[in-house]
Every structure is written in structure tokens, then in C-alpha cells.
């Protein structure tokens, strides 16, 4: 009976802890493979820049004019969303709400 409880606890731990982490790793691997030159990205350490060159394991990240950093491709955490595009869409929506009132 105690052996059955141990197996059940292992299965629960697998579903709650390990499975979500595996999904996150797969998602990040797919994201890293989808990177293209010219993408604005943020590294895991919070450095923002534009991808200038992409290799299998290394990318060149331009952080300022004439300043390029050589970093691991897997160190890219996310793409940067243009905040002006989001704000423009939000202000257009809020303008519609005011005109309806």
C-alpha cells in the first residue's frame, strides 16, 4: 500500500512540477529558433538590442550605434513589443468610447 502512495505522489509531482517546465523549455527552444536578423530583443539579464548576426549558438546584439555584444543565442529572453504601437491602439479604442458617450 505504501508503495502505491509513493507512485501516486511521484505522478502528482511529475504533473505539477516537471511537465510544465518541459513545456516551457520546448516553447523557449521554438522561440530561439524563430529569431531573425533585425528583431528587437531583450536578454535574460535585461539588455535591450537589435539582432545583427545569428549563428547556431551565438548572436551579435547591437545595443547602441557601433556597440555589438556577442551572446549565447539561448540568452535571448523575449522579443520587444513596440510600445508606441500598443499605445496607439489603446488610444484609438479609448477615443471610440468617448465618442459613444
PDB file of N, CA and C in Angstrom:
ATOM      1  N   UNK A   1       0.819  -1.200   0.000  1.00  0.00           N
ATOM      2  CA  UNK A   1       0.000   0.000   0.000  1.00  0.00           C
ATOM      3  C   UNK A   1       0.860   1.261   0.000  1.00  0.00           C
ATOM      4  N   UNK A   2       1.927   1.275   0.798  1.00  0.00           N
ATOM      5  CA  UNK A   2       2.789   2.456   0.851  1.00  0.00           C
ATOM      6  C   UNK A   2       3.521   2.658  -0.474  1.00  0.00           C
ATOM      7  N   UNK A   3       3.813   1.565  -1.180  1.00  0.00           N
ATOM      8  CA  UNK A   3       4.446   1.668  -2.483  1.00  0.00           C
ATOM      9  C   UNK A   3       3.514   2.369  -3.477  1.00  0.00           C
ATOM     10  N   UNK A   4       2.238   2.088  -3.405  1.00  0.00           N
ATOM     11  CA  UNK A   4       1.239   2.723  -4.264  1.00  0.00           C
ATOM     12  C   UNK A   4       1.164   4.227  -3.976  1.00  0.00           C
ATOM     13  N   UNK A   5       1.240   4.595  -2.727  1.00  0.00           N
ATOM     14  CA  UNK A   5       1.200   6.013  -2.348  1.00  0.00           C
ATOM     15  C   UNK A   5       2.426   6.745  -2.898  1.00  0.00           C
ATOM     16  N   UNK A   6       3.586   6.103  -2.841  1.00  0.00           N
ATOM     17  CA  UNK A   6       4.803   6.713  -3.370  1.00  0.00           C
ATOM     18  C   UNK A   6       4.678   6.925  -4.874  1.00  0.00           C
ATOM     19  N   UNK A   7       4.123   5.952  -5.571  1.00  0.00           N
ATOM     20  CA  UNK A   7       3.936   6.080  -7.020  1.00  0.00           C
ATOM     21  C   UNK A   7       2.958   7.210  -7.329  1.00  0.00           C
ATOM     22  N   UNK A   8       1.881   7.297  -6.591  1.00  0.00           N
ATOM     23  CA  UNK A   8       0.888   8.358  -6.800  1.00  0.00           C
ATOM     24  C   UNK A   8       1.515   9.728  -6.542  1.00  0.00           C
ATOM     25  N   UNK A   9       2.306   9.865  -5.498  1.00  0.00           N
ATOM     26  CA  UNK A   9       2.977  11.132  -5.203  1.00  0.00           C
ATOM     27  C   UNK A   9       3.973  11.499  -6.305  1.00  0.00           C
ATOM     28  N   UNK A  10       4.673  10.498  -6.835  1.00  0.00           N
ATOM     29  CA  UNK A  10       5.604  10.754  -7.930  1.00  0.00           C
ATOM     30  C   UNK A  10       4.863  11.258  -9.164  1.00  0.00           C
ATOM     31  N   UNK A  11       3.734  10.647  -9.485  1.00  0.00           N
ATOM     32  CA  UNK A  11       2.948  11.067 -10.645  1.00  0.00           C
ATOM     33  C   UNK A  11       2.432  12.487 -10.450  1.00  0.00           C
ATOM     34  N   UNK A  12       1.963  12.800  -9.270  1.00  0.00           N
ATOM     35  CA  UNK A  12       1.483  14.155  -8.982  1.00  0.00           C
ATOM     36  C   UNK A  12       2.624  15.155  -9.112  1.00  0.00           C
ATOM     37  N   UNK A  13       3.792  14.822  -8.557  1.00  0.00           N
ATOM     38  CA  UNK A  13       4.958  15.708  -8.666  1.00  0.00           C
ATOM     39  C   UNK A  13       5.349  15.908 -10.121  1.00  0.00           C
ATOM     40  N   UNK A  14       5.283  14.856 -10.916  1.00  0.00           N
ATOM     41  CA  UNK A  14       5.610  14.941 -12.333  1.00  0.00           C
ATOM     42  C   UNK A  14       4.666  15.912 -13.046  1.00  0.00           C
ATOM     43  N   UNK A  15       3.379  15.779 -12.788  1.00  0.00           N
ATOM     44  CA  UNK A  15       2.382  16.613 -13.458  1.00  0.00           C
ATOM     45  C   UNK A  15       2.485  18.070 -13.005  1.00  0.00           C
ATOM     46  N   UNK A  16       2.745  18.284 -11.725  1.00  0.00           N
ATOM     47  CA  UNK A  16       2.751  19.638 -11.182  1.00  0.00           C
ATOM     48  C   UNK A  16       4.087  20.353 -11.395  1.00  0.00           C
ATOM     49  N   UNK A  17       5.190  19.644 -11.300  1.00  0.00           N
ATOM     50  CA  UNK A  17       6.494  20.290 -11.332  1.00  0.00           C
ATOM     51  C   UNK A  17       7.258  20.099 -12.635  1.00  0.00           C
ATOM     52  N   UNK A  18       7.394  18.896 -13.100  1.00  0.00           N
ATOM     53  CA  UNK A  18       8.292  18.597 -14.206  1.00  0.00           C
ATOM     54  C   UNK A  18       7.651  18.863 -15.566  1.00  0.00           C
ATOM     55  N   UNK A  19       6.434  18.455 -15.765  1.00  0.00           N
ATOM     56  CA  UNK A  19       5.764  18.618 -17.056  1.00  0.00           C
ATOM     57  C   UNK A  19       5.663  20.084 -17.485  1.00  0.00           C
ATOM     58  N   UNK A  20       5.249  21.019 -16.626  1.00  0.00           N
ATOM     59  CA  UNK A  20       5.210  22.426 -17.051  1.00  0.00           C
ATOM     60  C   UNK A  20       6.589  22.968 -17.430  1.00  0.00           C
ATOM     61  N   UNK A  21       7.627  22.553 -16.725  1.00  0.00           N
ATOM     62  CA  UNK A  21       8.977  23.012 -17.045  1.00  0.00           C
ATOM     63  C   UNK A  21       9.409  22.486 -18.415  1.00  0.00           C
ATOM     64  N   UNK A  22       9.074  21.239 -18.732  1.00  0.00           N
ATOM     65  CA  UNK A  22       9.402  20.689 -20.045  1.00  0.00           C
ATOM     66  C   UNK A  22       8.684  21.460 -21.154  1.00  0.00           C
ATOM     67  N   UNK A  23       7.433  21.834 -20.915  1.00  0.00           N
ATOM     68  CA  UNK A  23       6.688  22.612 -21.906  1.00  0.00           C
ATOM     69  C   UNK A  23       7.324  23.980 -22.105  1.00  0.00           C
ATOM     70  N   UNK A  24       7.758  24.605 -21.014  1.00  0.00           N
ATOM     71  CA  UNK A  24       8.410  25.911 -21.097  1.00  0.00           C
ATOM     72  C   UNK A  24       9.716  25.819 -21.880  1.00  0.00           C
ATOM     73  N   UNK A  25      10.491  24.775 -21.657  1.00  0.00           N
ATOM     74  CA  UNK A  25      11.750  24.588 -22.385  1.00  0.00           C
ATOM     75  C   UNK A  25      11.470  24.405 -23.875  1.00  0.00           C
ATOM     76  N   UNK A  26      10.458  23.624 -24.236  1.00  0.00           N
ATOM     77  CA  UNK A  26      10.101  23.440 -25.643  1.00  0.00           C
ATOM     78  C   UNK A  26       9.670  24.761 -26.277  1.00  0.00           C
ATOM     79  N   UNK A  27       8.875  25.547 -25.540  1.00  0.00           N
ATOM     80  CA  UNK A  27       8.412  26.840 -26.041  1.00  0.00           C
ATOM     81  C   UNK A  27       9.596  27.780 -26.267  1.00  0.00           C
ATOM     82  N   UNK A  28      10.545  27.801 -25.311  1.00  0.00           N
ATOM     83  CA  UNK A  28      11.706  28.674 -25.437  1.00  0.00           C
ATOM     84  C   UNK A  28      12.599  28.234 -26.598  1.00  0.00           C
ATOM     85  N   UNK A  29      12.773  26.936 -26.782  1.00  0.00           N
ATOM     86  CA  UNK A  29      13.571  26.436 -27.903  1.00  0.00           C
ATOM     87  C   UNK A  29      12.950  26.848 -29.237  1.00  0.00           C
ATOM     88  N   UNK A  30      11.637  26.757 -29.348  1.00  0.00           N
ATOM     89  CA  UNK A  30      10.956  27.171 -30.576  1.00  0.00           C
ATOM     90  C   UNK A  30      11.119  28.677 -30.792  1.00  0.00           C
ATOM     91  N   UNK A  31      11.028  29.452 -29.710  1.00  0.00           N
ATOM     92  CA  UNK A  31      11.209  30.899 -29.799  1.00  0.00           C
ATOM     93  C   UNK A  31      12.614  31.243 -30.273  1.00  0.00           C
ATOM     94  N   UNK A  32      13.620  30.593 -29.699  1.00  0.00           N
ATOM     95  CA  UNK A  32      15.011  30.870 -30.053  1.00  0.00           C
ATOM     96  C   UNK A  32      15.255  30.533 -31.525  1.00  0.00           C
ATOM     97  N   UNK A  33      14.650  29.461 -32.018  1.00  0.00           N
ATOM     98  CA  UNK A  33      14.818  29.085 -33.425  1.00  0.00           C
ATOM     99  C   UNK A  33      14.109  30.065 -34.366  1.00  0.00           C
ATOM    100  N   UNK A  34      13.104  30.786 -33.880  1.00  0.00           N
ATOM    101  CA  UNK A  34      12.347  31.705 -34.732  1.00  0.00           C
ATOM    102  C   UNK A  34      12.976  33.090 -34.821  1.00  0.00           C
ATOM    103  N   UNK A  35      14.065  33.329 -34.113  1.00  0.00           N
ATOM    104  CA  UNK A  35      14.705  34.642 -34.143  1.00  0.00           C
ATOM    105  C   UNK A  35      15.239  34.954 -35.534  1.00  0.00           C
ATOM    106  N   UNK A  36      15.135  36.231 -35.918  1.00  0.00           N
ATOM    107  CA  UNK A  36      15.617  36.659 -37.227  1.00  0.00           C
ATOM    108  C   UNK A  36      16.421  37.949 -37.076  1.00  0.00           C
ATOM    109  N   UNK A  37      17.270  38.197 -38.043  1.00  0.00           N
ATOM    110  CA  UNK A  37      18.055  39.428 -38.038  1.00  0.00           C
ATOM    111  C   UNK A  37      17.109  40.621 -38.099  1.00  0.00           C
ATOM    112  N   UNK A  38      17.383  41.617 -37.266  1.00  0.00           N
ATOM    113  CA  UNK A  38      16.549  42.812 -37.216  1.00  0.00           C
ATOM    114  C   UNK A  38      15.530  42.799 -36.094  1.00  0.00           C
ATOM    115  N   UNK A  39      15.342  41.666 -35.442  1.00  0.00           N
ATOM    116  CA  UNK A  39      14.404  41.588 -34.318  1.00  0.00           C
ATOM    117  C   UNK A  39      14.946  42.379 -33.135  1.00  0.00           C
ATOM    118  N   UNK A  40      14.065  43.143 -32.495  1.00  0.00           N
ATOM    119  CA  UNK A  40      14.444  43.819 -31.257  1.00  0.00           C
ATOM    120  C   UNK A  40      14.126  42.866 -30.125  1.00  0.00           C
ATOM    121  N   UNK A  41      15.140  42.598 -29.283  1.00  0.00           N
ATOM    122  CA  UNK A  41      15.004  41.585 -28.252  1.00  0.00           C
ATOM    123  C   UNK A  41      15.529  42.092 -26.913  1.00  0.00           C
ATOM    124  N   UNK A  42      15.220  41.326 -25.875  1.00  0.00           N
ATOM    125  CA  UNK A  42      15.758  41.571 -24.544  1.00  0.00           C
ATOM    126  C   UNK A  42      16.421  40.286 -24.073  1.00  0.00           C
ATOM    127  N   UNK A  43      17.606  40.400 -23.503  1.00  0.00           N
ATOM    128  CA  UNK A  43      18.295  39.222 -22.995  1.00  0.00           C
ATOM    129  C   UNK A  43      17.759  38.884 -21.616  1.00  0.00           C
ATOM    130  N   UNK A  44      18.175  37.741 -21.112  1.00  0.00           N
ATOM    131  CA  UNK A  44      17.753  37.328 -19.781  1.00  0.00           C
ATOM    132  C   UNK A  44      18.246  38.261 -18.700  1.00  0.00           C
ATOM    133  N   UNK A  45      19.326  38.997 -18.960  1.00  0.00           N
ATOM    134  CA  UNK A  45      19.866  39.933 -17.976  1.00  0.00           C
ATOM    135  C   UNK A  45      19.305  41.339 -18.141  1.00  0.00           C
ATOM    136  N   UNK A  46      18.390  41.534 -19.097  1.00  0.00           N
ATOM    137  CA  UNK A  46      17.721  42.820 -19.243  1.00  0.00           C
ATOM    138  C   UNK A  46      18.367  43.769 -20.229  1.00  0.00           C
ATOM    139  N   UNK A  47      19.266  43.294 -21.066  1.00  0.00           N
ATOM    140  CA  UNK A  47      19.900  44.142 -22.071  1.00  0.00           C
ATOM    141  C   UNK A  47      19.030  44.144 -23.323  1.00  0.00           C
ATOM    142  N   UNK A  48      18.694  45.347 -23.803  1.00  0.00           N
ATOM    143  CA  UNK A  48      17.882  45.501 -24.997  1.00  0.00           C
ATOM    144  C   UNK A  48      18.775  45.769 -26.192  1.00  0.00           C
ATOM    145  N   UNK A  49      18.394  45.245 -27.354  1.00  0.00           N
ATOM    146  CA  UNK A  49      19.157  45.497 -28.555  1.00  0.00           C
ATOM    147  C   UNK A  49      18.500  44.892 -29.779  1.00  0.00           C
ATOM    148  N   UNK A  50      19.190  45.021 -30.902  1.00  0.00           N
ATOM    149  CA  UNK A  50      18.710  44.512 -32.179  1.00  0.00           C
ATOM    150  C   UNK A  50      19.666  43.443 -32.674  1.00  0.00           C
ATOM    151  N   UNK A  51      19.118  42.342 -33.155  1.00  0.00           N
ATOM    152  CA  UNK A  51      19.952  41.254 -33.660  1.00  0.00           C
ATOM    153  C   UNK A  51      20.581  41.663 -34.988  1.00  0.00           C
ATOM    154  N   UNK A  52      21.908  41.538 -35.064  1.00  0.00           N
ATOM    155  CA  UNK A  52      22.643  41.915 -36.257  1.00  0.00           C
ATOM    156  C   UNK A  52      23.102  40.683 -37.019  1.00  0.00           C
ATOM    157  N   UNK A  53      23.517  39.657 -36.284  1.00  0.00           N
ATOM    158  CA  UNK A  53      24.003  38.424 -36.900  1.00  0.00           C
ATOM    159  C   UNK A  53      23.577  37.250 -36.035  1.00  0.00           C
ATOM    160  N   UNK A  54      23.174  36.160 -36.684  1.00  0.00           N
ATOM    161  CA  UNK A  54      22.712  34.980 -35.954  1.00  0.00           C
ATOM    162  C   UNK A  54      23.493  33.770 -36.443  1.00  0.00           C
ATOM    163  N   UNK A  55      24.068  33.035 -35.496  1.00  0.00           N
ATOM    164  CA  UNK A  55      24.778  31.798 -35.783  1.00  0.00           C
ATOM    165  C   UNK A  55      24.005  30.672 -35.092  1.00  0.00           C
ATOM    166  N   UNK A  56      24.508  29.458 -35.149  1.00  0.00           N
ATOM    167  CA  UNK A  56      23.823  28.343 -34.497  1.00  0.00           C
ATOM    168  C   UNK A  56      23.690  28.556 -32.993  1.00  0.00           C
ATOM    169  N   UNK A  57      24.753  28.987 -32.331  1.00  0.00           N
ATOM    170  CA  UNK A  57      24.741  29.116 -30.874  1.00  0.00           C
ATOM    171  C   UNK A  57      25.009  30.531 -30.385  1.00  0.00           C
ATOM    172  N   UNK A  58      25.432  31.429 -31.274  1.00  0.00           N
ATOM    173  CA  UNK A  58      25.834  32.771 -30.865  1.00  0.00           C
ATOM    174  C   UNK A  58      25.122  33.805 -31.730  1.00  0.00           C
ATOM    175  N   UNK A  59      24.774  34.942 -31.125  1.00  0.00           N
ATOM    176  CA  UNK A  59      24.204  36.064 -31.862  1.00  0.00           C
ATOM    177  C   UNK A  59      24.995  37.320 -31.555  1.00  0.00           C
ATOM    178  N   UNK A  60      24.973  38.269 -32.492  1.00  0.00           N
ATOM    179  CA  UNK A  60      25.526  39.590 -32.250  1.00  0.00           C
ATOM    180  C   UNK A  60      24.358  40.523 -32.004  1.00  0.00           C
ATOM    181  N   UNK A  61      24.405  41.190 -30.868  1.00  0.00           N
ATOM    182  CA  UNK A  61      23.325  42.074 -30.448  1.00  0.00           C
ATOM    183  C   UNK A  61      23.840  43.499 -30.466  1.00  0.00           C
ATOM    184  N   UNK A  62      23.237  44.351 -31.296  1.00  0.00           N
ATOM    185  CA  UNK A  62      23.638  45.756 -31.351  1.00  0.00           C
ATOM    186  C   UNK A  62      22.844  46.507 -30.290  1.00  0.00           C
ATOM    187  N   UNK A  63      23.557  47.046 -29.289  1.00  0.00           N
ATOM    188  CA  UNK A  63      22.899  47.739 -28.189  1.00  0.00           C
ATOM    189  C   UNK A  63      22.954  49.247 -28.352  1.00  0.00           C
ATOM    190  N   UNK A  64      23.879  49.735 -29.150  1.00  0.00           N
ATOM    191  CA  UNK A  64      23.992  51.153 -29.480  1.00  0.00           C
ATOM    192  C   UNK A  64      24.724  51.244 -30.801  1.00  0.00           C
ATOM    193  N   UNK A  65      24.747  52.423 -31.375  1.00  0.00           N
ATOM    194  CA  UNK A  65      25.433  52.602 -32.643  1.00  0.00           C
ATOM    195  C   UNK A  65      26.912  52.273 -32.470  1.00  0.00           C
ATOM    196  N   UNK A  66      27.373  51.254 -33.191  1.00  0.00           N
ATOM    197  CA  UNK A  66      28.768  50.845 -33.122  1.00  0.00           C
ATOM    198  C   UNK A  66      29.115  49.941 -31.948  1.00  0.00           C
ATOM    199  N   UNK A  67      28.129  49.561 -31.141  1.00  0.00           N
ATOM    200  CA  UNK A  67      28.377  48.693 -29.982  1.00  0.00           C
ATOM    201  C   UNK A  67      27.609  47.392 -30.173  1.00  0.00           C
ATOM    202  N   UNK A  68      28.367  46.301 -30.333  1.00  0.00           N
ATOM    203  CA  UNK A  68      27.744  44.992 -30.523  1.00  0.00           C
ATOM    204  C   UNK A  68      28.243  44.038 -29.448  1.00  0.00           C
ATOM    205  N   UNK A  69      27.340  43.235 -28.925  1.00  0.00           N
ATOM    206  CA  UNK A  69      27.683  42.232 -27.922  1.00  0.00           C
ATOM    207  C   UNK A  69      27.521  40.849 -28.528  1.00  0.00           C
ATOM    208  N   UNK A  70      28.463  39.986 -28.238  1.00  0.00           N
ATOM    209  CA  UNK A  70      28.392  38.596 -28.677  1.00  0.00           C
ATOM    210  C   UNK A  70      27.822  37.799 -27.502  1.00  0.00           C
ATOM    211  N   UNK A  71      26.635  37.232 -27.678  1.00  0.00           N
ATOM    212  CA  UNK A  71      25.993  36.498 -26.586  1.00  0.00           C
ATOM    213  C   UNK A  71      25.477  35.152 -27.081  1.00  0.00           C
ATOM    214  N   UNK A  72      25.175  34.288 -26.143  1.00  0.00           N
ATOM    215  CA  UNK A  72      24.593  32.986 -26.474  1.00  0.00           C
ATOM    216  C   UNK A  72      23.173  33.186 -26.997  1.00  0.00           C
ATOM    217  N   UNK A  73      22.835  32.433 -28.007  1.00  0.00           N
ATOM    218  CA  UNK A  73      21.501  32.542 -28.605  1.00  0.00           C
ATOM    219  C   UNK A  73      20.410  32.222 -27.585  1.00  0.00           C
ATOM    220  N   UNK A  74      20.660  31.269 -26.705  1.00  0.00           N
ATOM    221  CA  UNK A  74      19.674  30.877 -25.698  1.00  0.00           C
ATOM    222  C   UNK A  74      19.495  31.939 -24.617  1.00  0.00           C
ATOM    223  N   UNK A  75      20.368  32.949 -24.576  1.00  0.00           N
ATOM    224  CA  UNK A  75      20.265  34.005 -23.577  1.00  0.00           C
ATOM    225  C   UNK A  75      19.187  35.032 -23.931  1.00  0.00           C
ATOM    226  N   UNK A  76      18.655  34.952 -25.142  1.00  0.00           N
ATOM    227  CA  UNK A  76      17.582  35.860 -25.538  1.00  0.00           C
ATOM    228  C   UNK A  76      16.309  35.431 -24.824  1.00  0.00           C
ATOM    229  N   UNK A  77      15.733  36.347 -24.055  1.00  0.00           N
ATOM    230  CA  UNK A  77      14.553  36.015 -23.256  1.00  0.00           C
ATOM    231  C   UNK A  77      13.248  36.295 -23.990  1.00  0.00           C
ATOM    232  N   UNK A  78      13.182  37.429 -24.715  1.00  0.00           N
ATOM    233  CA  UNK A  78      11.926  37.760 -25.378  1.00  0.00           C
ATOM    234  C   UNK A  78      12.145  38.792 -26.466  1.00  0.00           C
ATOM    235  N   UNK A  79      11.172  38.889 -27.356  1.00  0.00           N
ATOM    236  CA  UNK A  79      11.168  39.950 -28.358  1.00  0.00           C
ATOM    237  C   UNK A  79      10.537  41.172 -27.716  1.00  0.00           C
ATOM    238  N   UNK A  80      10.988  42.340 -28.142  1.00  0.00           N
ATOM    239  CA  UNK A  80      10.465  43.588 -27.603  1.00  0.00           C
ATOM    240  C   UNK A  80       9.284  44.018 -28.457  1.00  0.00           C
ATOM    241  N   UNK A  81       8.177  44.292 -27.808  1.00  0.00           N
ATOM    242  CA  UNK A  81       6.989  44.774 -28.494  1.00  0.00           C
ATOM    243  C   UNK A  81       7.071  46.295 -28.537  1.00  0.00           C
ATOM    244  N   UNK A  82       6.802  46.862 -29.698  1.00  0.00           N
ATOM    245  CA  UNK A  82       6.860  48.313 -29.849  1.00  0.00           C
ATOM    246  C   UNK A  82       5.767  48.952 -28.995  1.00  0.00           C
ATOM    247  N   UNK A  83       6.142  49.700 -27.934  1.00  0.00           N
ATOM    248  CA  UNK A  83       5.124  50.266 -27.045  1.00  0.00           C
ATOM    249  C   UNK A  83       4.277  51.334 -27.720  1.00  0.00           C
ATOM    250  N   UNK A  84       4.804  52.017 -28.745  1.00  0.00           N
ATOM    251  CA  UNK A  84       4.008  53.039 -29.418  1.00  0.00           C
ATOM    252  C   UNK A  84       2.866  52.418 -30.208  1.00  0.00           C
ATOM    253  N   UNK A  85       3.075  51.213 -30.754  1.00  0.00           N
ATOM    254  CA  UNK A  85       2.006  50.538 -31.494  1.00  0.00           C
ATOM    255  C   UNK A  85       0.892  50.121 -30.546  1.00  0.00           C
ATOM    256  N   UNK A  86       1.268  49.664 -29.357  1.00  0.00           N
ATOM    257  CA  UNK A  86       0.266  49.266 -28.372  1.00  0.00           C
ATOM    258  C   UNK A  86      -0.489  50.488 -27.871  1.00  0.00           C
ATOM    259  N   UNK A  87       0.233  51.577 -27.589  1.00  0.00           N
ATOM    260  CA  UNK A  87      -0.411  52.790 -27.097  1.00  0.00           C
ATOM    261  C   UNK A  87      -1.337  53.397 -28.140  1.00  0.00           C
ATOM    262  N   UNK A  88      -0.934  53.368 -29.399  1.00  0.00           N
ATOM    263  CA  UNK A  88      -1.759  53.924 -30.464  1.00  0.00           C
ATOM    264  C   UNK A  88      -3.062  53.144 -30.571  1.00  0.00           C
ATOM    265  N   UNK A  89      -2.996  51.832 -30.453  1.00  0.00           N
ATOM    266  CA  UNK A  89      -4.206  51.022 -30.499  1.00  0.00           C
ATOM    267  C   UNK A  89      -5.096  51.280 -29.297  1.00  0.00           C
ATOM    268  N   UNK A  90      -4.498  51.461 -28.126  1.00  0.00           N
ATOM    269  CA  UNK A  90      -5.280  51.722 -26.923  1.00  0.00           C
ATOM    270  C   UNK A  90      -5.941  53.091 -26.985  1.00  0.00           C
ATOM    271  N   UNK A  91      -5.223  54.106 -27.466  1.00  0.00           N
ATOM    272  CA  UNK A  91      -5.794  55.451 -27.501  1.00  0.00           C
ATOM    273  C   UNK A  91      -6.915  55.529 -28.528  1.00  0.00           C
ATOM    274  N   UNK A  92      -6.795  54.771 -29.617  1.00  0.00           N
ATOM    275  CA  UNK A  92      -7.859  54.759 -30.617  1.00  0.00           C
ATOM    276  C   UNK A  92      -9.105  54.112 -30.035  1.00  0.00           C
ATOM    277  N   UNK A  93      -8.929  53.061 -29.249  1.00  0.00           N
ATOM    278  CA  UNK A  93     -10.073  52.413 -28.626  1.00  0.00           C
ATOM    279  C   UNK A  93     -10.714  53.325 -27.600  1.00  0.00           C
ATOM    280  N   UNK A  94      -9.907  54.026 -26.804  1.00  0.00           N
ATOM    281  CA  UNK A  94     -10.471  54.889 -25.776  1.00  0.00           C
ATOM    282  C   UNK A  94     -11.169  56.084 -26.410  1.00  0.00           C
ATOM    283  N   UNK A  95     -10.686  56.519 -27.591  1.00  0.00           N
ATOM    284  CA  UNK A  95     -11.349  57.616 -28.288  1.00  0.00           C
ATOM    285  C   UNK A  95     -12.725  57.201 -28.756  1.00  0.00           C
ATOM    286  N   UNK A  96     -12.882  55.957 -29.160  1.00  0.00           N
ATOM    287  CA  UNK A  96     -14.191  55.464 -29.583  1.00  0.00           C
ATOM    288  C   UNK A  96     -15.165  55.441 -28.425  1.00  0.00           C
ATOM    289  N   UNK A  97     -14.661  55.097 -27.245  1.00  0.00           N
ATOM    290  CA  UNK A  97     -15.523  55.031 -26.074  1.00  0.00           C
ATOM    291  C   UNK A  97     -16.047  56.415 -25.715  1.00  0.00           C
ATOM    292  N   UNK A  98     -15.184  57.449 -25.850  1.00  0.00           N
ATOM    293  CA  UNK A  98     -15.606  58.807 -25.521  1.00  0.00           C
ATOM    294  C   UNK A  98     -16.652  59.321 -26.500  1.00  0.00           C
ATOM    295  N   UNK A  99     -16.517  58.959 -27.789  1.00  0.00           N
ATOM    296  CA  UNK A  99     -17.452  59.452 -28.783  1.00  0.00           C
ATOM    297  C   UNK A  99     -18.823  58.808 -28.641  1.00  0.00           C
ATOM    298  N   UNK A 100     -18.871  57.607 -28.031  1.00  0.00           N
ATOM    299  CA  UNK A 100     -20.153  56.948 -27.832  1.00  0.00           C
ATOM    300  C   UNK A 100     -20.935  57.560 -26.677  1.00  0.00           C
ATOM    301  N   UNK A 101     -20.252  58.185 -25.747  1.00  0.00           N
ATOM    302  CA  UNK A 101     -20.902  58.690 -24.526  1.00  0.00           C
ATOM    303  C   UNK A 101     -21.737  59.888 -24.742  1.00  0.00           C
TER     304      UNK A 101
END
